[in-house]
N, C-alpha and C. Protein backbone atom coordinates (compact mmCIF):
# COMPACT_ATOMS: atom_id res chain seq x y z
N UNK A 1 83.77 177.01 99.78
CA UNK A 1 83.28 175.31 99.86
C UNK A 1 84.36 174.22 99.80
N UNK A 2 83.92 173.94 101.21
CA UNK A 2 84.98 172.80 101.92
C UNK A 2 85.10 171.18 101.36
N UNK A 3 86.48 171.25 100.60
CA UNK A 3 86.54 170.39 100.00
C UNK A 3 87.17 169.02 100.28
N UNK A 4 86.12 167.98 100.54
CA UNK A 4 86.62 166.94 101.16
C UNK A 4 88.28 166.60 101.80
N UNK A 5 88.29 165.90 102.74
CA UNK A 5 89.73 165.83 103.05
C UNK A 5 90.09 164.18 101.81
N UNK A 6 91.42 164.52 102.00
CA UNK A 6 91.83 163.28 100.67
C UNK A 6 93.00 162.42 101.53
N UNK A 7 92.55 160.92 101.19
CA UNK A 7 94.07 160.49 102.43
C UNK A 7 95.35 160.66 101.86
N UNK A 8 96.01 160.22 102.93
CA UNK A 8 97.85 160.98 103.09
C UNK A 8 97.79 159.65 102.62
N UNK A 9 99.02 159.97 102.11
CA UNK A 9 99.94 159.11 101.44
C UNK A 9 100.54 157.99 102.42
N UNK A 10 100.40 157.86 103.37
CA UNK A 10 100.28 157.05 104.78
C UNK A 10 99.27 156.14 104.75
N UNK A 11 97.81 156.32 105.11
CA UNK A 11 96.67 155.80 104.82
C UNK A 11 96.75 154.79 103.91
N UNK A 12 96.97 155.79 102.57
CA UNK A 12 96.73 155.15 100.99
C UNK A 12 97.87 154.13 100.63
N UNK A 13 99.24 153.90 101.70
CA UNK A 13 100.02 152.74 101.66
C UNK A 13 99.37 151.58 102.62
N UNK A 14 98.76 152.97 103.88
CA UNK A 14 98.56 151.19 105.11
C UNK A 14 97.06 150.62 104.10
N UNK A 15 96.47 151.09 103.51
CA UNK A 15 95.00 150.62 102.53
C UNK A 15 95.64 149.44 101.55
N UNK A 16 96.72 149.83 101.11
CA UNK A 16 97.17 149.25 100.35
C UNK A 16 97.97 147.30 100.48
N UNK A 17 98.16 147.51 101.64
CA UNK A 17 98.75 146.82 102.53
C UNK A 17 97.19 145.80 103.01
N UNK A 18 96.42 146.75 103.93
CA UNK A 18 95.46 145.54 104.10
C UNK A 18 94.89 144.89 102.55
N UNK A 19 94.59 145.32 102.15
CA UNK A 19 94.24 144.58 100.23
C UNK A 19 95.03 143.23 100.18
N UNK A 20 96.50 144.09 100.28
CA UNK A 20 97.41 142.79 99.54
C UNK A 20 96.73 141.72 100.92
N UNK A 21 96.27 141.34 101.79
CA UNK A 21 96.77 140.57 102.96
C UNK A 21 97.10 139.04 102.87
N UNK A 22 97.67 138.56 103.01
CA UNK A 22 98.37 136.96 102.65
C UNK A 22 96.77 136.40 103.11
N UNK A 23 96.60 135.23 101.83
CA UNK A 23 95.27 133.75 102.31
C UNK A 23 95.29 133.21 103.70
N UNK A 24 94.43 132.77 104.14
CA UNK A 24 94.36 132.17 105.58
C UNK A 24 95.35 131.24 105.46
N UNK A 25 95.70 131.35 107.14
CA UNK A 25 96.62 129.45 106.60
C UNK A 25 95.87 128.58 106.58
N UNK A 26 94.51 128.43 107.41
CA UNK A 26 93.35 127.24 106.54
C UNK A 26 93.36 127.22 105.27
N UNK A 27 93.72 128.16 104.22
CA UNK A 27 93.37 127.77 102.69
C UNK A 27 94.87 127.22 101.93
N UNK A 28 95.97 127.66 102.70
CA UNK A 28 97.08 127.34 102.23
C UNK A 28 97.57 126.28 101.35
N UNK A 29 97.52 125.73 100.47
CA UNK A 29 97.17 124.69 100.00
C UNK A 29 98.61 124.26 100.17
N UNK A 30 99.36 122.91 100.65
CA UNK A 30 100.82 122.25 100.74
C UNK A 30 100.35 120.68 99.68
N UNK A 31 101.49 121.01 99.09
CA UNK A 31 101.73 120.47 97.35
C UNK A 31 102.84 119.81 98.21
N UNK A 32 103.66 118.06 97.91
CA UNK A 32 102.45 116.85 98.19
C UNK A 32 101.59 116.74 99.43
N UNK A 33 100.60 117.26 99.60
CA UNK A 33 99.94 117.11 101.26
C UNK A 33 100.39 116.09 102.22
N UNK A 34 100.66 116.39 103.44
CA UNK A 34 101.01 115.33 104.12
C UNK A 34 102.17 115.56 104.70
N UNK A 35 102.84 114.35 105.36
CA UNK A 35 104.17 114.38 105.82
C UNK A 35 105.10 114.01 104.62
N UNK A 36 106.30 114.81 103.96
CA UNK A 36 107.07 114.23 102.80
C UNK A 36 107.54 112.87 103.19
N UNK A 37 108.21 112.83 104.63
CA UNK A 37 108.62 111.13 104.91
C UNK A 37 107.64 110.20 104.27
N UNK A 38 106.39 110.66 104.03
CA UNK A 38 105.20 109.32 103.97
C UNK A 38 105.45 109.29 102.92
N UNK A 39 106.06 109.95 102.46
CA UNK A 39 105.65 110.43 100.61
C UNK A 39 106.63 109.65 100.04
N UNK A 40 107.82 109.83 100.73
CA UNK A 40 109.29 108.71 100.30
C UNK A 40 108.60 106.87 100.48
N UNK A 41 108.04 107.08 101.50
CA UNK A 41 107.54 106.01 102.07
C UNK A 41 106.52 104.91 100.43
N UNK A 42 105.28 105.87 100.14
CA UNK A 42 104.54 105.78 99.44
C UNK A 42 105.20 105.11 98.28
N UNK A 43 106.44 106.55 98.04
CA UNK A 43 107.24 105.90 96.63
C UNK A 43 107.61 104.68 96.27
N UNK A 44 108.44 104.14 97.58
CA UNK A 44 109.13 102.93 97.35
C UNK A 44 107.81 102.30 97.52
N UNK A 45 106.46 102.11 98.44
CA UNK A 45 105.73 101.18 97.70
C UNK A 45 105.48 100.30 96.45
N UNK A 46 105.02 101.97 96.07
CA UNK A 46 104.98 101.88 95.09
C UNK A 46 105.35 100.96 93.62
N UNK A 47 107.21 101.16 93.95
CA UNK A 47 107.82 100.77 93.34
C UNK A 47 108.00 99.32 93.48
N UNK A 48 107.51 98.40 94.51
CA UNK A 48 107.53 97.32 95.18
C UNK A 48 106.51 96.86 93.99
N UNK A 49 104.99 97.85 94.21
CA UNK A 49 104.24 97.04 93.32
C UNK A 49 104.58 96.82 91.86
N UNK A 50 105.31 97.67 91.42
CA UNK A 50 105.47 97.70 90.24
C UNK A 50 106.02 96.81 89.82
N UNK A 51 107.06 96.54 90.62
CA UNK A 51 108.33 95.47 90.52
C UNK A 51 107.49 94.20 90.21
N UNK A 52 106.23 94.08 91.75
CA UNK A 52 105.62 92.23 91.21
C UNK A 52 104.88 92.71 90.18
N UNK A 53 104.30 94.15 89.74
CA UNK A 53 103.17 93.99 88.57
C UNK A 53 104.08 93.63 86.95
N UNK A 54 105.31 93.67 86.67
CA UNK A 54 106.26 93.37 85.61
C UNK A 54 105.92 92.38 85.37
N UNK A 55 106.69 91.63 87.03
CA UNK A 55 106.82 90.01 87.12
C UNK A 55 106.30 89.43 86.38
N UNK A 56 104.46 90.24 87.23
CA UNK A 56 103.39 88.66 86.65
C UNK A 56 103.27 89.21 85.14
N UNK A 57 103.48 90.54 84.71
CA UNK A 57 103.18 90.66 83.13
C UNK A 57 103.93 89.87 82.48
N UNK A 58 105.27 89.65 82.62
CA UNK A 58 106.15 88.91 81.96
C UNK A 58 105.92 87.46 81.49
N UNK A 59 105.77 86.52 83.19
CA UNK A 59 105.36 85.58 83.22
C UNK A 59 103.88 85.31 82.64
N UNK A 60 102.88 86.34 82.89
CA UNK A 60 101.88 85.68 81.94
C UNK A 60 101.85 85.82 80.33
N UNK A 61 103.16 86.72 80.14
CA UNK A 61 102.97 86.28 78.79
C UNK A 61 103.27 85.01 78.28
N UNK A 62 104.27 84.45 79.17
CA UNK A 62 105.14 83.04 78.25
C UNK A 62 103.54 81.87 78.84
N UNK A 63 102.92 82.23 79.98
CA UNK A 63 101.74 81.38 80.32
C UNK A 63 100.67 81.26 80.01
N UNK A 64 100.29 81.94 78.67
CA UNK A 64 98.93 82.55 78.73
C UNK A 64 98.06 81.92 78.50
N UNK A 65 97.52 80.84 78.06
CA UNK A 65 96.58 79.59 77.98
C UNK A 65 96.39 79.17 79.68
N UNK A 66 97.13 79.07 80.13
CA UNK A 66 97.60 79.24 81.66
C UNK A 66 96.82 79.62 82.77
N UNK A 67 96.73 81.66 82.43
CA UNK A 67 96.58 82.51 83.38
C UNK A 67 95.03 82.13 82.87
N UNK A 68 94.68 83.12 81.33
CA UNK A 68 93.55 82.76 81.12
C UNK A 68 92.44 82.04 81.62
N UNK A 69 92.79 80.47 81.50
CA UNK A 69 92.04 79.78 82.22
C UNK A 69 92.12 79.88 83.63
N UNK A 70 92.75 80.57 84.49
CA UNK A 70 92.75 80.57 85.52
C UNK A 70 91.94 81.39 86.25
N UNK A 71 91.78 82.62 85.36
CA UNK A 71 90.90 83.91 85.70
C UNK A 71 90.18 83.28 85.43
N UNK A 72 89.54 82.63 85.08
CA UNK A 72 87.86 82.19 85.33
C UNK A 72 87.39 81.23 86.26
N UNK A 73 88.37 81.08 87.22
CA UNK A 73 87.66 80.95 88.50
C UNK A 73 87.54 81.62 89.98
N UNK A 74 88.26 82.83 89.38
CA UNK A 74 88.53 83.83 89.89
C UNK A 74 86.84 84.45 90.55
N UNK A 75 86.03 84.94 91.36
CA UNK A 75 84.70 85.43 91.59
C UNK A 75 85.05 86.92 91.45
N UNK A 76 85.10 87.25 89.92
CA UNK A 76 84.91 88.60 89.28
C UNK A 76 84.10 90.02 89.90
N UNK A 77 82.92 89.15 90.55
CA UNK A 77 81.80 89.69 91.09
C UNK A 77 82.34 89.93 92.02
N UNK A 78 82.92 89.52 93.17
CA UNK A 78 83.61 89.93 94.59
C UNK A 78 84.82 90.47 94.18
N UNK A 79 85.56 90.87 93.36
CA UNK A 79 86.52 92.22 92.86
C UNK A 79 85.83 93.54 92.60
N UNK A 80 84.28 93.24 92.17
CA UNK A 80 83.78 94.40 91.99
C UNK A 80 83.48 95.21 93.06
N UNK A 81 82.49 94.43 93.81
CA UNK A 81 82.36 94.82 95.05
C UNK A 81 83.30 95.72 95.32
N UNK A 82 84.25 94.26 95.73
CA UNK A 82 86.03 95.52 96.52
C UNK A 82 86.31 96.68 95.80
N UNK A 83 86.03 97.09 94.39
CA UNK A 83 86.87 98.06 94.02
C UNK A 83 85.45 99.32 94.25
N UNK A 84 84.76 98.96 94.41
CA UNK A 84 83.63 99.58 94.92
C UNK A 84 83.70 100.37 96.11
N UNK A 85 83.98 99.34 97.10
CA UNK A 85 84.60 99.88 98.67
C UNK A 85 85.42 100.91 98.61
N UNK A 86 86.84 99.98 97.71
CA UNK A 86 87.59 101.21 98.33
C UNK A 86 87.73 102.57 96.75
N UNK A 87 86.54 102.36 96.19
CA UNK A 87 86.84 103.89 96.04
C UNK A 87 85.16 104.49 96.49
N UNK A 88 84.49 103.92 97.50
CA UNK A 88 83.78 104.48 98.07
C UNK A 88 84.67 105.02 98.89
N UNK A 89 85.90 104.67 99.76
CA UNK A 89 86.24 104.55 100.76
C UNK A 89 87.08 105.78 101.09
N UNK A 90 88.04 105.63 99.18
CA UNK A 90 88.65 106.95 99.26
C UNK A 90 88.02 108.25 99.11
N UNK A 91 86.76 108.38 98.21
CA UNK A 91 85.57 109.23 98.44
C UNK A 91 85.15 109.43 99.76
N UNK A 92 85.16 109.38 100.98
CA UNK A 92 85.27 109.39 102.08
C UNK A 92 86.53 109.72 102.44
N UNK A 93 87.53 109.64 102.58
CA UNK A 93 88.36 110.10 103.32
C UNK A 93 89.03 111.88 102.62
N UNK A 94 88.67 112.07 101.49
CA UNK A 94 88.50 113.23 100.65
C UNK A 94 87.73 113.90 101.39
N UNK A 95 86.65 113.69 101.69
CA UNK A 95 85.53 114.55 102.61
C UNK A 95 86.40 114.22 103.94
N UNK A 96 86.94 113.80 104.77
CA UNK A 96 87.47 113.71 105.67
C UNK A 96 88.51 115.13 105.72
N UNK A 97 89.25 114.98 104.66
CA UNK A 97 90.51 116.20 104.22
C UNK A 97 89.58 117.63 105.06
N UNK A 98 89.14 117.59 103.56
CA UNK A 98 87.97 118.93 103.18
C UNK A 98 87.40 119.42 104.70
N UNK A 99 86.91 118.40 105.20
CA UNK A 99 86.26 118.88 106.85
C UNK A 99 87.27 119.16 107.60
N UNK A 100 88.47 118.89 107.64
CA UNK A 100 89.14 119.19 108.68
C UNK A 100 89.83 120.63 107.97
N UNK A 101 89.96 120.69 107.08
CA UNK A 101 90.60 122.06 106.69
C UNK A 101 89.27 122.98 106.75
N UNK A 102 88.15 122.59 106.72
CA UNK A 102 87.20 123.94 107.00
C UNK A 102 87.23 123.67 108.90
N UNK A 103 88.02 123.08 109.02
CA UNK A 103 87.54 123.22 110.79
C UNK A 103 86.46 122.90 111.39
N UNK A 104 85.99 122.23 110.76
CA UNK A 104 84.47 120.98 111.19
C UNK A 104 85.29 119.20 110.92
N UNK A 105 85.81 119.34 112.50
CA UNK A 105 86.33 118.08 113.29
C UNK A 105 85.39 116.90 113.37
N UNK A 106 84.36 117.40 113.34
CA UNK A 106 83.85 116.31 113.67
C UNK A 106 83.08 115.81 112.85
N UNK A 107 82.77 116.25 111.63
CA UNK A 107 82.24 115.94 110.37
C UNK A 107 83.31 114.61 109.82
N UNK A 108 85.05 115.73 110.11
CA UNK A 108 85.96 114.77 109.90
C UNK A 108 86.30 113.10 110.28
N UNK A 109 85.83 113.61 111.47
CA UNK A 109 85.94 111.98 112.56
C UNK A 109 84.77 111.05 111.33
N UNK A 110 83.20 111.62 111.36
CA UNK A 110 82.83 110.61 111.33
C UNK A 110 83.11 109.73 109.40
N UNK A 111 83.83 110.71 108.61
CA UNK A 111 84.30 110.71 107.30
C UNK A 111 85.40 109.57 107.42
N UNK A 112 85.90 110.11 108.61
CA UNK A 112 86.88 108.42 108.84
C UNK A 112 86.71 107.29 108.55
N UNK A 113 85.33 107.68 109.82
CA UNK A 113 85.01 105.90 110.31
C UNK A 113 84.16 105.26 109.54
N UNK A 114 83.54 106.19 108.25
CA UNK A 114 82.79 105.71 106.91
C UNK A 114 83.97 105.04 106.39
N UNK A 115 85.22 105.34 106.03
CA UNK A 115 85.93 105.27 105.24
C UNK A 115 86.52 104.28 106.05
N UNK A 116 86.88 103.66 107.10
CA UNK A 116 87.06 102.93 107.68
C UNK A 116 86.05 101.20 107.38
N UNK A 117 85.24 101.67 107.49
CA UNK A 117 84.03 101.10 107.70
C UNK A 117 84.08 99.99 106.06
N UNK A 118 84.58 100.76 104.60
CA UNK A 118 84.38 100.92 103.75
C UNK A 118 85.58 99.36 103.38
N UNK A 119 86.81 99.74 104.23
CA UNK A 119 87.49 99.13 104.68
C UNK A 119 87.77 97.89 104.81
N UNK A 120 86.81 97.83 106.31
CA UNK A 120 86.54 96.58 106.52
C UNK A 120 85.78 95.76 105.61
N UNK A 121 84.79 96.42 104.98
CA UNK A 121 83.37 95.65 103.64
C UNK A 121 84.59 94.94 102.86
N UNK A 122 85.94 95.84 102.43
CA UNK A 122 86.75 94.66 101.45
C UNK A 122 87.75 93.37 102.37
N UNK A 123 88.02 93.45 103.20
CA UNK A 123 88.73 92.92 104.17
C UNK A 123 87.90 91.33 104.29
N UNK A 124 86.12 92.07 104.69
CA UNK A 124 85.48 90.39 104.66
C UNK A 124 85.21 89.98 103.39
N UNK A 125 84.97 91.28 102.46
CA UNK A 125 84.74 90.32 101.09
C UNK A 125 86.20 89.23 100.67
N UNK A 126 87.48 90.39 100.71
CA UNK A 126 88.70 89.32 100.34
C UNK A 126 88.87 88.11 101.47
N UNK A 127 88.50 87.86 102.43
CA UNK A 127 88.51 87.19 103.07
C UNK A 127 87.64 85.84 103.20
N UNK A 128 86.73 86.39 102.45
CA UNK A 128 85.46 85.43 101.78
C UNK A 128 86.08 84.54 100.80
N UNK A 129 87.11 85.51 99.77
CA UNK A 129 88.04 84.82 98.83
C UNK A 129 88.34 83.58 99.19
N UNK A 130 89.29 84.34 100.09
CA UNK A 130 91.03 83.03 100.62
C UNK A 130 89.86 82.43 101.12
N UNK A 131 88.85 82.39 101.29
CA UNK A 131 88.21 80.78 102.36
C UNK A 131 87.97 80.33 101.12
N UNK A 132 87.36 80.70 100.37
CA UNK A 132 86.79 79.98 99.31
C UNK A 132 87.78 78.58 98.48
N UNK A 133 88.83 79.66 98.06
CA UNK A 133 90.26 78.65 97.16
C UNK A 133 90.40 77.88 98.53
N UNK A 134 90.75 77.87 99.71
CA UNK A 134 91.64 76.92 100.50
C UNK A 134 90.42 76.12 101.49
N UNK A 135 89.47 75.79 100.83
CA UNK A 135 88.09 75.35 100.95
C UNK A 135 88.25 73.81 99.69
N UNK A 136 88.93 74.50 98.13
CA UNK A 136 89.06 73.94 97.12
C UNK A 136 90.41 73.33 96.90
N UNK A 137 91.08 73.47 97.81
CA UNK A 137 92.68 72.81 98.03
C UNK A 137 93.64 73.66 97.33
N UNK A 138 93.07 75.06 96.98
CA UNK A 138 94.45 75.69 96.73
C UNK A 138 94.97 76.91 97.01
N UNK A 139 96.06 77.23 97.24
CA UNK A 139 97.12 77.63 97.82
C UNK A 139 98.06 77.69 96.53
N UNK A 140 98.96 78.72 97.92
CA UNK A 140 100.55 78.69 96.23
C UNK A 140 101.26 77.92 95.61
N UNK A 141 100.91 76.87 95.53
CA UNK A 141 101.51 75.62 95.10
C UNK A 141 100.99 75.05 93.69
N UNK A 142 99.44 75.61 94.38
CA UNK A 142 98.81 75.23 92.82
C UNK A 142 99.34 74.99 91.45
N UNK A 143 99.64 76.48 91.36
CA UNK A 143 100.27 76.66 89.90
C UNK A 143 100.69 77.83 90.07
N UNK A 144 101.44 78.19 88.82
CA UNK A 144 101.77 79.77 88.84
C UNK A 144 101.22 80.82 89.27
N UNK A 145 99.86 80.23 88.39
CA UNK A 145 99.36 81.71 88.55
C UNK A 145 98.37 82.17 89.95
N UNK A 146 98.05 81.17 90.42
CA UNK A 146 97.82 81.30 91.80
C UNK A 146 99.26 81.42 92.84
N UNK A 147 100.24 81.01 92.58
CA UNK A 147 101.37 81.34 93.03
C UNK A 147 101.29 83.22 92.94
N UNK A 148 101.31 84.04 91.53
CA UNK A 148 101.11 85.36 91.63
C UNK A 148 100.36 85.79 92.61
N UNK A 149 98.68 84.79 92.19
CA UNK A 149 97.25 85.89 91.82
C UNK A 149 97.38 85.46 93.87
N UNK A 150 97.47 85.03 94.99
CA UNK A 150 97.24 84.48 96.18
C UNK A 150 98.61 85.63 96.61
N UNK A 151 99.59 86.18 95.98
CA UNK A 151 101.05 86.29 96.95
C UNK A 151 100.57 87.84 96.49
N UNK A 152 100.35 88.35 95.22
CA UNK A 152 99.86 89.70 95.26
C UNK A 152 98.65 90.35 95.83
N UNK A 153 97.57 89.65 95.93
CA UNK A 153 96.70 90.07 96.94
C UNK A 153 96.72 90.32 97.88
N UNK A 154 97.17 89.23 98.44
CA UNK A 154 97.44 89.05 100.04
C UNK A 154 98.59 90.39 100.78
N UNK A 155 99.46 90.69 99.80
CA UNK A 155 100.63 91.92 99.72
C UNK A 155 99.50 92.51 99.97
N UNK A 156 98.77 93.26 99.32
CA UNK A 156 97.22 94.03 99.03
C UNK A 156 96.85 94.53 99.94
N UNK A 157 96.53 93.00 100.84
CA UNK A 157 95.22 92.71 101.26
C UNK A 157 95.71 93.06 103.04
N UNK A 158 97.50 93.32 103.55
CA UNK A 158 97.89 93.59 104.43
C UNK A 158 98.01 94.97 104.09
N UNK A 159 98.76 95.67 102.87
CA UNK A 159 98.47 96.53 102.92
C UNK A 159 97.21 97.48 103.13
N UNK A 160 96.06 97.12 102.88
CA UNK A 160 95.00 97.68 103.41
C UNK A 160 94.44 97.78 105.11
N UNK A 161 94.71 96.70 105.64
CA UNK A 161 94.96 96.48 107.48
C UNK A 161 95.98 97.49 107.69
N UNK A 162 96.83 97.93 107.18
CA UNK A 162 98.07 99.05 107.22
C UNK A 162 97.29 100.56 107.52
N UNK A 163 96.72 100.54 106.62
CA UNK A 163 96.17 101.83 106.09
C UNK A 163 94.89 101.87 106.95
N UNK A 164 93.95 100.93 107.47
CA UNK A 164 93.14 101.05 108.33
C UNK A 164 93.24 101.54 109.73
N UNK A 165 94.54 101.04 109.86
CA UNK A 165 95.26 101.37 111.68
C UNK A 165 95.66 102.82 111.14
N UNK A 166 96.24 103.44 110.41
CA UNK A 166 96.53 104.44 110.73
C UNK A 166 95.27 105.37 110.17
N UNK A 167 94.27 105.08 109.71
CA UNK A 167 93.42 105.87 109.35
C UNK A 167 92.61 105.29 111.08
N UNK A 168 92.44 104.69 111.92
CA UNK A 168 91.59 104.30 112.77
C UNK A 168 92.73 105.89 114.02
N UNK A 169 94.15 105.29 113.73
CA UNK A 169 94.91 106.45 114.76
C UNK A 169 94.91 107.69 114.25
N UNK A 170 94.73 108.22 113.44
CA UNK A 170 94.18 109.41 112.98
C UNK A 170 92.89 109.88 113.13
N UNK A 171 91.86 108.87 113.23
CA UNK A 171 90.07 109.57 113.75
C UNK A 171 90.40 109.37 115.17
N UNK A 172 91.54 108.90 116.32
CA UNK A 172 91.21 109.00 117.47
C UNK A 172 91.88 110.05 118.18
N UNK A 173 93.96 110.03 117.31
CA UNK A 173 93.94 111.77 117.30
C UNK A 173 92.54 112.85 117.27
N UNK A 174 92.21 112.97 116.26
CA UNK A 174 91.13 114.19 115.52
C UNK A 174 90.08 114.18 117.09
N UNK A 175 89.94 112.72 117.47
CA UNK A 175 88.63 112.63 118.57
C UNK A 175 89.15 113.56 119.95
N UNK A 176 90.86 113.49 119.97
CA UNK A 176 91.73 114.06 120.65
C UNK A 176 91.66 115.35 120.63
N UNK A 177 91.07 116.07 119.62
CA UNK A 177 91.17 117.93 119.69
C UNK A 177 92.66 117.70 119.33
N UNK A 178 93.55 116.44 118.31
CA UNK A 178 94.68 116.78 117.62
C UNK A 178 94.45 117.98 116.25
N UNK A 179 94.01 117.61 116.14
CA UNK A 179 93.43 118.21 114.11
C UNK A 179 92.76 119.84 114.35
N UNK A 180 93.02 120.76 113.35
CA UNK A 180 92.39 121.82 112.91
C UNK A 180 92.93 122.44 111.79
N UNK A 181 91.75 123.28 111.40
CA UNK A 181 92.15 123.70 110.31
C UNK A 181 93.76 124.37 109.48
N UNK A 182 94.22 124.76 111.51
CA UNK A 182 95.34 125.35 111.11
C UNK A 182 96.53 124.15 111.17
N UNK A 183 96.43 123.12 111.42
CA UNK A 183 97.21 121.67 111.91
C UNK A 183 96.36 120.40 111.44
N UNK A 184 96.62 119.84 110.37
CA UNK A 184 96.10 118.60 109.66
C UNK A 184 96.99 118.00 109.21
N UNK A 185 97.74 118.23 109.49
CA UNK A 185 99.38 117.45 108.32
C UNK A 185 99.16 115.78 108.37
N UNK A 186 98.65 115.32 109.73
CA UNK A 186 98.45 113.92 110.02
C UNK A 186 97.08 113.59 109.16
N UNK A 187 96.34 113.98 108.78
CA UNK A 187 95.22 113.69 108.24
C UNK A 187 95.85 113.57 107.08
N UNK A 188 96.15 114.48 105.97
CA UNK A 188 96.40 115.02 104.91
C UNK A 188 97.75 113.51 104.76
N UNK A 189 98.50 113.16 105.52
CA UNK A 189 99.14 112.24 105.35
C UNK A 189 98.60 110.51 105.22
N UNK A 190 97.82 110.10 106.32
CA UNK A 190 96.85 109.06 106.40
C UNK A 190 96.16 109.01 105.25
N UNK A 191 95.65 109.95 104.35
CA UNK A 191 94.98 110.59 103.07
C UNK A 191 95.09 109.38 102.11
N UNK A 192 96.97 110.94 102.36
CA UNK A 192 97.85 110.01 101.12
C UNK A 192 97.91 108.47 101.00
N UNK A 193 97.90 107.54 102.23
CA UNK A 193 98.49 106.36 102.01
C UNK A 193 97.39 105.42 101.51
N UNK A 194 96.03 106.12 101.96
CA UNK A 194 94.90 105.00 101.92
C UNK A 194 94.63 105.37 100.43
N UNK A 195 94.67 106.67 100.15
CA UNK A 195 94.61 106.79 98.24
C UNK A 195 95.62 106.00 97.40
N UNK A 196 96.85 105.22 98.12
CA UNK A 196 98.09 105.28 97.57
C UNK A 196 97.44 103.45 96.89
N UNK A 197 96.81 102.90 98.79
CA UNK A 197 96.13 101.59 98.98
C UNK A 197 95.07 101.73 97.57
N UNK A 198 94.43 102.24 97.02
CA UNK A 198 92.94 102.11 96.58
C UNK A 198 93.72 102.26 94.61
N UNK A 199 94.57 103.07 94.94
CA UNK A 199 95.14 103.00 93.69
C UNK A 199 96.23 101.38 93.01
N UNK A 200 96.38 101.44 93.95
CA UNK A 200 97.11 99.65 93.38
C UNK A 200 95.99 98.84 92.95
N UNK A 201 94.90 98.90 94.10
CA UNK A 201 93.80 97.82 93.87
C UNK A 201 93.45 97.95 92.13
N UNK A 202 93.17 99.38 92.42
CA UNK A 202 92.64 100.01 90.52
C UNK A 202 93.39 98.94 89.86
N UNK A 203 95.13 98.79 89.84
CA UNK A 203 95.43 98.28 88.72
C UNK A 203 95.92 97.15 89.22
N UNK A 204 95.92 96.35 90.41
CA UNK A 204 95.71 94.84 90.33
C UNK A 204 94.57 94.14 89.53
N UNK A 205 93.21 95.05 90.60
CA UNK A 205 91.97 93.78 90.13
C UNK A 205 92.01 93.58 88.01
N UNK A 206 92.23 94.80 87.29
CA UNK A 206 91.87 94.24 85.57
C UNK A 206 93.15 93.39 86.02
N UNK A 207 94.18 94.04 86.42
CA UNK A 207 95.81 93.07 86.13
C UNK A 207 95.63 91.57 85.67
N UNK A 208 94.87 91.32 87.07
CA UNK A 208 94.53 89.73 88.05
C UNK A 208 93.34 89.38 87.46
N UNK A 209 92.55 89.67 87.65
CA UNK A 209 90.90 89.50 87.19
C UNK A 209 90.50 89.46 85.78
N UNK A 210 90.41 90.59 84.80
CA UNK A 210 90.16 90.97 83.26
C UNK A 210 91.42 90.28 82.50
N UNK A 211 92.18 90.83 82.55
CA UNK A 211 93.30 91.50 81.32
C UNK A 211 93.77 89.67 80.64
N UNK A 212 93.09 89.52 79.17
CA UNK A 212 93.07 88.47 78.46
C UNK A 212 94.39 88.46 77.75
């Protein structure tokens, strides 16, 4: 009775190599995601905000009554709407990154547009707040609290605009077919910047609107 042929040593070695094939490029995760140079910029931006927040906190400690009373004049409901808008936009950006990693550029493009729409909601609501303050004669010279409030929120406001410009550029390149599962560093970079903008707001909102 003939015995079944046993695989040769060479065949066994080849089988072992096949079983140990590396993970596909699209599944490899790079940390931090995106371009390293952008992360240096993000860290620098976070440092600037940290300095501003620290100065605000120290100044507030010396003018507690003024800051507490002026907080009552702010529109907390508008700030809550903006908080929800930015949290939602971050979720949309996260879905955009997940979609391009799965090589679904069309889905990623639509998620980016949705994120930009929520960013626009933030800008419209915040502009309404500014308009209300200016109509009542409030400006940087009104008092110490409003000097900080207007400076901090407008500085963040400009970062939201910058983030939308970045997301718009990423979406444009996405539509041109520049990104795929194998190469989407630009998408991750734009998403990282947008998440930074959202995180800053999640600190700014309670610090300026709520904390007593």
